[in-house]
Amino acid sequence: MTTNEKILKFLNECGVFYYASVDNGKARVRPFGMAAIVNGKLYFGMGKHKRSYRETAENPYIEICACKGGEWLRIRGKAVFDWDPATEQILFEQYPFLKEKYGPDSELTHAAFYLEEMEADYNNMQGVCEFWT
């Protein structure tokens, strides 16, 4: 299992995870729930109309935290937006609600991105700390 597959499995088991960005020098955190692997890269997404998009476009260094039971995973990296329609199509197939919200009949635009310079650390209450890079 690749690192991205391990991360995606954990995120999917959590259902909801938290995305942190910076807005005018202040931390902002919000729940996210979409992650996928496309061409070997771990992807996330958000609406281009949202504050999270503006914050990420201005400062692409983000962090994600996911928790389940006594385990947690932190992911850090630089968001790189991918505007390739083929990537969007794959994400729409994996997450049909995205197509409903951001598809060709919508005025909204989905902003898919993957992480460069990604680091991840897995921890649990028993003291295990693993670095997934």
N, C-alpha and C. Protein backbone atom coordinates (compact mmCIF):
# COMPACT_ATOMS: atom_id res chain seq x y z
N MET A 1 0.85 -1.18 0.00
CA MET A 1 0.00 0.00 0.00
C MET A 1 0.90 1.24 0.00
N THR A 2 0.64 2.16 -0.93
CA THR A 2 1.44 3.39 -0.99
C THR A 2 1.07 4.33 0.16
N THR A 3 1.91 5.32 0.37
CA THR A 3 1.62 6.32 1.40
C THR A 3 0.29 7.01 1.12
N ASN A 4 0.06 7.41 -0.13
CA ASN A 4 -1.19 8.08 -0.46
C ASN A 4 -2.39 7.18 -0.22
N GLU A 5 -2.26 5.88 -0.51
CA GLU A 5 -3.34 4.94 -0.24
C GLU A 5 -3.60 4.81 1.25
N LYS A 6 -2.54 4.75 2.06
CA LYS A 6 -2.72 4.70 3.52
C LYS A 6 -3.42 5.95 4.02
N ILE A 7 -3.00 7.12 3.52
CA ILE A 7 -3.62 8.38 3.94
C ILE A 7 -5.09 8.41 3.52
N LEU A 8 -5.38 8.05 2.28
CA LEU A 8 -6.76 8.07 1.80
C LEU A 8 -7.63 7.11 2.60
N LYS A 9 -7.12 5.94 2.89
CA LYS A 9 -7.88 4.97 3.71
C LYS A 9 -8.24 5.58 5.06
N PHE A 10 -7.27 6.21 5.71
CA PHE A 10 -7.52 6.82 7.01
C PHE A 10 -8.56 7.94 6.89
N LEU A 11 -8.40 8.82 5.90
CA LEU A 11 -9.35 9.92 5.71
C LEU A 11 -10.76 9.40 5.44
N ASN A 12 -10.87 8.37 4.62
CA ASN A 12 -12.18 7.81 4.33
C ASN A 12 -12.82 7.18 5.56
N GLU A 13 -12.01 6.57 6.40
CA GLU A 13 -12.53 5.98 7.64
C GLU A 13 -13.02 7.07 8.59
N CYS A 14 -12.38 8.24 8.55
CA CYS A 14 -12.80 9.36 9.40
C CYS A 14 -14.09 10.00 8.88
N GLY A 15 -14.23 10.06 7.58
CA GLY A 15 -15.39 10.72 6.98
C GLY A 15 -15.19 12.22 6.87
N VAL A 16 -15.00 12.87 8.00
CA VAL A 16 -14.75 14.31 8.03
C VAL A 16 -13.36 14.54 8.59
N PHE A 17 -12.63 15.45 7.95
CA PHE A 17 -11.32 15.84 8.45
C PHE A 17 -11.25 17.36 8.39
N TYR A 18 -10.19 17.93 8.93
CA TYR A 18 -10.14 19.39 9.07
C TYR A 18 -8.98 19.99 8.30
N TYR A 19 -9.29 21.05 7.57
CA TYR A 19 -8.40 21.72 6.65
C TYR A 19 -8.03 23.07 7.24
N ALA A 20 -6.74 23.32 7.40
CA ALA A 20 -6.28 24.59 7.98
C ALA A 20 -5.53 25.39 6.93
N SER A 21 -5.90 26.66 6.86
CA SER A 21 -5.23 27.62 5.97
C SER A 21 -4.97 28.88 6.77
N VAL A 22 -4.45 29.90 6.10
CA VAL A 22 -4.14 31.16 6.77
C VAL A 22 -4.87 32.29 6.06
N ASP A 23 -5.51 33.16 6.84
CA ASP A 23 -6.22 34.32 6.31
C ASP A 23 -5.72 35.56 7.06
N ASN A 24 -5.01 36.43 6.35
CA ASN A 24 -4.45 37.64 6.97
C ASN A 24 -3.65 37.33 8.23
N GLY A 25 -2.82 36.29 8.16
CA GLY A 25 -1.95 35.93 9.27
C GLY A 25 -2.63 35.16 10.38
N LYS A 26 -3.91 34.81 10.20
CA LYS A 26 -4.65 34.08 11.24
C LYS A 26 -5.07 32.72 10.71
N ALA A 27 -4.97 31.72 11.59
CA ALA A 27 -5.35 30.36 11.21
C ALA A 27 -6.85 30.27 10.99
N ARG A 28 -7.24 29.50 9.98
CA ARG A 28 -8.64 29.21 9.69
C ARG A 28 -8.75 27.70 9.48
N VAL A 29 -9.74 27.11 10.13
CA VAL A 29 -9.94 25.67 10.03
C VAL A 29 -11.40 25.41 9.66
N ARG A 30 -11.61 24.44 8.77
CA ARG A 30 -12.97 24.07 8.41
C ARG A 30 -13.01 22.58 8.09
N PRO A 31 -14.21 21.98 8.20
CA PRO A 31 -14.33 20.56 7.88
C PRO A 31 -14.29 20.33 6.37
N PHE A 32 -13.68 19.24 5.99
CA PHE A 32 -13.62 18.78 4.60
C PHE A 32 -14.05 17.31 4.59
N GLY A 33 -14.38 16.79 3.44
CA GLY A 33 -14.75 15.39 3.38
C GLY A 33 -14.39 14.70 2.08
N MET A 34 -13.73 15.39 1.16
CA MET A 34 -13.43 14.82 -0.14
C MET A 34 -11.93 14.68 -0.31
N ALA A 35 -11.50 13.46 -0.58
CA ALA A 35 -10.10 13.18 -0.91
C ALA A 35 -10.10 12.03 -1.90
N ALA A 36 -9.16 12.04 -2.83
CA ALA A 36 -9.10 10.99 -3.85
C ALA A 36 -7.66 10.88 -4.36
N ILE A 37 -7.36 9.76 -4.94
CA ILE A 37 -6.08 9.59 -5.61
C ILE A 37 -6.33 9.62 -7.11
N VAL A 38 -5.63 10.51 -7.79
CA VAL A 38 -5.71 10.63 -9.24
C VAL A 38 -4.28 10.62 -9.77
N ASN A 39 -4.00 9.69 -10.66
CA ASN A 39 -2.66 9.56 -11.24
C ASN A 39 -1.57 9.50 -10.16
N GLY A 40 -1.87 8.80 -9.08
CA GLY A 40 -0.89 8.60 -8.01
C GLY A 40 -0.77 9.73 -7.01
N LYS A 41 -1.49 10.85 -7.26
CA LYS A 41 -1.41 11.99 -6.35
C LYS A 41 -2.66 12.08 -5.49
N LEU A 42 -2.49 12.54 -4.26
CA LEU A 42 -3.60 12.71 -3.33
C LEU A 42 -4.25 14.07 -3.59
N TYR A 43 -5.53 14.05 -3.95
CA TYR A 43 -6.27 15.26 -4.29
C TYR A 43 -7.32 15.61 -3.26
N PHE A 44 -7.56 16.90 -3.15
CA PHE A 44 -8.64 17.47 -2.35
C PHE A 44 -9.33 18.50 -3.23
N GLY A 45 -10.37 19.12 -2.72
CA GLY A 45 -11.02 20.13 -3.54
C GLY A 45 -11.90 21.04 -2.71
N MET A 46 -12.25 22.17 -3.33
CA MET A 46 -13.10 23.17 -2.70
C MET A 46 -13.73 24.02 -3.79
N GLY A 47 -14.75 24.73 -3.45
CA GLY A 47 -15.36 25.64 -4.40
C GLY A 47 -14.50 26.88 -4.59
N LYS A 48 -14.37 27.32 -5.82
CA LYS A 48 -13.55 28.50 -6.10
C LYS A 48 -14.18 29.77 -5.51
N HIS A 49 -15.47 29.72 -5.20
CA HIS A 49 -16.18 30.86 -4.62
C HIS A 49 -15.97 30.97 -3.10
N LYS A 50 -15.32 30.00 -2.49
CA LYS A 50 -15.18 29.97 -1.04
C LYS A 50 -13.94 30.70 -0.55
N ARG A 51 -13.99 31.14 0.71
CA ARG A 51 -12.84 31.80 1.33
C ARG A 51 -11.63 30.88 1.38
N SER A 52 -11.87 29.59 1.58
CA SER A 52 -10.76 28.64 1.66
C SER A 52 -9.95 28.65 0.36
N TYR A 53 -10.62 28.83 -0.78
CA TYR A 53 -9.90 28.91 -2.05
C TYR A 53 -9.02 30.16 -2.09
N ARG A 54 -9.59 31.29 -1.74
CA ARG A 54 -8.82 32.55 -1.75
C ARG A 54 -7.61 32.43 -0.82
N GLU A 55 -7.83 31.90 0.37
CA GLU A 55 -6.75 31.76 1.35
C GLU A 55 -5.64 30.85 0.81
N THR A 56 -6.04 29.75 0.18
CA THR A 56 -5.07 28.79 -0.34
C THR A 56 -4.34 29.34 -1.55
N ALA A 57 -5.04 30.09 -2.39
CA ALA A 57 -4.39 30.71 -3.55
C ALA A 57 -3.35 31.74 -3.10
N GLU A 58 -3.64 32.46 -2.02
CA GLU A 58 -2.70 33.48 -1.51
C GLU A 58 -1.53 32.86 -0.76
N ASN A 59 -1.80 31.78 -0.03
CA ASN A 59 -0.75 31.09 0.73
C ASN A 59 -1.02 29.59 0.61
N PRO A 60 -0.32 28.90 -0.30
CA PRO A 60 -0.65 27.51 -0.60
C PRO A 60 -0.22 26.49 0.45
N TYR A 61 0.44 26.91 1.51
CA TYR A 61 0.87 25.94 2.53
C TYR A 61 -0.28 25.69 3.50
N ILE A 62 -0.73 24.45 3.52
CA ILE A 62 -1.92 24.09 4.31
C ILE A 62 -1.60 22.89 5.20
N GLU A 63 -2.51 22.60 6.09
CA GLU A 63 -2.40 21.41 6.93
C GLU A 63 -3.78 20.80 7.08
N ILE A 64 -3.80 19.48 7.14
CA ILE A 64 -5.03 18.72 7.33
C ILE A 64 -4.85 17.85 8.56
N CYS A 65 -5.89 17.74 9.37
CA CYS A 65 -5.85 16.87 10.54
C CYS A 65 -7.11 16.00 10.53
N ALA A 66 -6.91 14.72 10.77
CA ALA A 66 -8.02 13.77 10.81
C ALA A 66 -7.89 12.93 12.07
N CYS A 67 -9.02 12.64 12.72
CA CYS A 67 -9.01 11.87 13.96
C CYS A 67 -10.08 10.79 13.92
N LYS A 68 -9.75 9.65 14.51
CA LYS A 68 -10.74 8.59 14.72
C LYS A 68 -10.31 7.80 15.95
N GLY A 69 -11.21 7.66 16.88
CA GLY A 69 -10.87 6.96 18.11
C GLY A 69 -9.66 7.61 18.75
N GLY A 70 -8.67 6.83 19.09
CA GLY A 70 -7.45 7.36 19.68
C GLY A 70 -6.32 7.51 18.68
N GLU A 71 -6.66 7.72 17.40
CA GLU A 71 -5.65 7.88 16.36
C GLU A 71 -5.85 9.21 15.66
N TRP A 72 -4.76 9.79 15.17
CA TRP A 72 -4.88 10.99 14.37
C TRP A 72 -3.77 11.05 13.33
N LEU A 73 -4.06 11.79 12.27
CA LEU A 73 -3.15 11.94 11.15
C LEU A 73 -3.08 13.41 10.80
N ARG A 74 -1.85 13.93 10.67
CA ARG A 74 -1.64 15.31 10.22
C ARG A 74 -0.90 15.26 8.90
N ILE A 75 -1.38 16.08 7.96
CA ILE A 75 -0.80 16.15 6.62
C ILE A 75 -0.48 17.61 6.35
N ARG A 76 0.74 17.86 5.89
CA ARG A 76 1.17 19.22 5.56
C ARG A 76 1.70 19.23 4.14
N GLY A 77 1.56 20.37 3.47
CA GLY A 77 2.13 20.47 2.14
C GLY A 77 1.72 21.75 1.45
N LYS A 78 2.15 21.85 0.21
CA LYS A 78 1.86 23.00 -0.63
C LYS A 78 0.79 22.60 -1.64
N ALA A 79 -0.35 23.29 -1.59
CA ALA A 79 -1.45 23.01 -2.51
C ALA A 79 -1.11 23.49 -3.92
N VAL A 80 -1.31 22.60 -4.88
CA VAL A 80 -1.10 22.93 -6.29
C VAL A 80 -2.42 22.69 -7.01
N PHE A 81 -3.05 23.75 -7.51
CA PHE A 81 -4.33 23.62 -8.19
C PHE A 81 -4.14 22.97 -9.55
N ASP A 82 -5.07 22.09 -9.89
CA ASP A 82 -5.04 21.34 -11.15
C ASP A 82 -6.34 21.63 -11.89
N TRP A 83 -6.24 22.32 -13.01
CA TRP A 83 -7.43 22.72 -13.78
C TRP A 83 -7.68 21.80 -14.97
N ASP A 84 -7.03 20.64 -15.00
CA ASP A 84 -7.20 19.70 -16.10
C ASP A 84 -8.62 19.10 -16.05
N PRO A 85 -9.40 19.24 -17.13
CA PRO A 85 -10.76 18.67 -17.15
C PRO A 85 -10.78 17.16 -16.93
N ALA A 86 -9.72 16.46 -17.32
CA ALA A 86 -9.67 15.01 -17.11
C ALA A 86 -9.61 14.68 -15.62
N THR A 87 -8.86 15.46 -14.86
CA THR A 87 -8.80 15.26 -13.41
C THR A 87 -10.18 15.52 -12.81
N GLU A 88 -10.80 16.59 -13.22
CA GLU A 88 -12.14 16.94 -12.72
C GLU A 88 -13.13 15.82 -13.02
N GLN A 89 -13.07 15.25 -14.20
CA GLN A 89 -13.98 14.17 -14.57
C GLN A 89 -13.80 12.97 -13.65
N ILE A 90 -12.55 12.62 -13.35
CA ILE A 90 -12.28 11.50 -12.43
C ILE A 90 -12.87 11.80 -11.05
N LEU A 91 -12.67 13.01 -10.56
CA LEU A 91 -13.23 13.38 -9.25
C LEU A 91 -14.75 13.35 -9.27
N PHE A 92 -15.36 13.82 -10.36
CA PHE A 92 -16.82 13.80 -10.49
C PHE A 92 -17.34 12.36 -10.49
N GLU A 93 -16.60 11.44 -11.10
CA GLU A 93 -17.01 10.04 -11.11
C GLU A 93 -16.93 9.44 -9.71
N GLN A 94 -15.89 9.79 -8.96
CA GLN A 94 -15.72 9.25 -7.61
C GLN A 94 -16.67 9.90 -6.61
N TYR A 95 -17.00 11.17 -6.84
CA TYR A 95 -17.87 11.93 -5.93
C TYR A 95 -18.98 12.59 -6.74
N PRO A 96 -20.05 11.86 -7.04
CA PRO A 96 -21.14 12.40 -7.88
C PRO A 96 -21.73 13.71 -7.36
N PHE A 97 -21.73 13.93 -6.06
CA PHE A 97 -22.28 15.19 -5.54
C PHE A 97 -21.49 16.40 -6.05
N LEU A 98 -20.19 16.20 -6.35
CA LEU A 98 -19.40 17.30 -6.90
C LEU A 98 -19.92 17.72 -8.27
N LYS A 99 -20.27 16.72 -9.09
CA LYS A 99 -20.79 17.03 -10.42
C LYS A 99 -22.12 17.76 -10.31
N GLU A 100 -22.95 17.36 -9.34
CA GLU A 100 -24.23 18.04 -9.14
C GLU A 100 -24.01 19.51 -8.77
N LYS A 101 -23.01 19.76 -7.92
CA LYS A 101 -22.77 21.11 -7.43
C LYS A 101 -21.94 21.96 -8.39
N TYR A 102 -20.95 21.32 -9.05
CA TYR A 102 -19.98 22.08 -9.84
C TYR A 102 -19.96 21.69 -11.33
N GLY A 103 -20.90 20.87 -11.76
CA GLY A 103 -20.91 20.38 -13.13
C GLY A 103 -21.20 21.45 -14.17
N PRO A 104 -21.36 21.05 -15.42
CA PRO A 104 -21.53 22.01 -16.52
C PRO A 104 -22.76 22.91 -16.41
N ASP A 105 -23.76 22.47 -15.66
CA ASP A 105 -24.98 23.29 -15.51
C ASP A 105 -24.89 24.26 -14.34
N SER A 106 -23.76 24.28 -13.65
CA SER A 106 -23.59 25.13 -12.47
C SER A 106 -22.79 26.38 -12.80
N GLU A 107 -23.05 27.42 -12.06
CA GLU A 107 -22.25 28.64 -12.17
C GLU A 107 -21.02 28.57 -11.27
N LEU A 108 -20.94 27.53 -10.44
CA LEU A 108 -19.83 27.38 -9.51
C LEU A 108 -18.70 26.58 -10.14
N THR A 109 -17.47 26.85 -9.69
CA THR A 109 -16.28 26.16 -10.20
C THR A 109 -15.62 25.40 -9.06
N HIS A 110 -15.27 24.15 -9.33
CA HIS A 110 -14.56 23.33 -8.35
C HIS A 110 -13.06 23.51 -8.55
N ALA A 111 -12.34 23.67 -7.47
CA ALA A 111 -10.89 23.85 -7.50
C ALA A 111 -10.23 22.61 -6.90
N ALA A 112 -9.76 21.71 -7.74
CA ALA A 112 -9.08 20.51 -7.29
C ALA A 112 -7.60 20.81 -7.10
N PHE A 113 -7.01 20.20 -6.09
CA PHE A 113 -5.59 20.40 -5.86
C PHE A 113 -4.97 19.17 -5.23
N TYR A 114 -3.67 19.03 -5.45
CA TYR A 114 -2.88 18.00 -4.81
C TYR A 114 -1.80 18.70 -3.99
N LEU A 115 -1.07 17.92 -3.19
CA LEU A 115 -0.05 18.49 -2.32
C LEU A 115 1.35 18.15 -2.80
N GLU A 116 2.19 19.16 -2.93
CA GLU A 116 3.62 18.99 -3.12
C GLU A 116 4.27 19.18 -1.76
N GLU A 117 5.50 18.73 -1.64
CA GLU A 117 6.24 18.86 -0.37
C GLU A 117 5.44 18.26 0.78
N MET A 118 4.70 17.20 0.49
CA MET A 118 3.80 16.62 1.48
C MET A 118 4.56 15.84 2.54
N GLU A 119 4.14 16.04 3.77
CA GLU A 119 4.60 15.26 4.91
C GLU A 119 3.35 14.84 5.68
N ALA A 120 3.39 13.65 6.25
CA ALA A 120 2.27 13.19 7.05
C ALA A 120 2.82 12.45 8.26
N ASP A 121 2.15 12.67 9.40
CA ASP A 121 2.52 11.88 10.56
C ASP A 121 1.26 11.30 11.19
N TYR A 122 1.37 10.00 11.50
CA TYR A 122 0.31 9.24 12.13
C TYR A 122 0.68 9.05 13.59
N ASN A 123 -0.29 9.24 14.48
CA ASN A 123 -0.06 9.09 15.92
C ASN A 123 -1.24 8.36 16.54
N ASN A 124 -0.97 7.70 17.69
CA ASN A 124 -2.09 7.14 18.44
C ASN A 124 -1.83 7.28 19.94
N MET A 125 -2.86 6.96 20.72
CA MET A 125 -2.80 7.15 22.17
C MET A 125 -1.80 6.20 22.84
N GLN A 126 -1.36 5.16 22.14
CA GLN A 126 -0.38 4.23 22.70
C GLN A 126 1.04 4.73 22.51
N GLY A 127 1.22 5.92 21.93
CA GLY A 127 2.53 6.49 21.77
C GLY A 127 3.21 6.21 20.43
N VAL A 128 2.47 5.58 19.53
CA VAL A 128 3.05 5.31 18.21
C VAL A 128 3.08 6.61 17.42
N CYS A 129 4.20 6.88 16.78
CA CYS A 129 4.34 8.03 15.88
C CYS A 129 5.08 7.55 14.65
N GLU A 130 4.40 7.60 13.51
CA GLU A 130 5.00 7.18 12.25
C GLU A 130 4.97 8.34 11.28
N PHE A 131 6.01 8.49 10.49
CA PHE A 131 6.03 9.52 9.45
C PHE A 131 5.77 8.84 8.12
N TRP A 132 4.70 9.28 7.47
CA TRP A 132 4.29 8.71 6.19
C TRP A 132 4.67 9.71 5.10
N THR A 133 5.83 9.54 4.47
CA THR A 133 6.24 10.42 3.39
C THR A 133 6.56 9.62 2.14
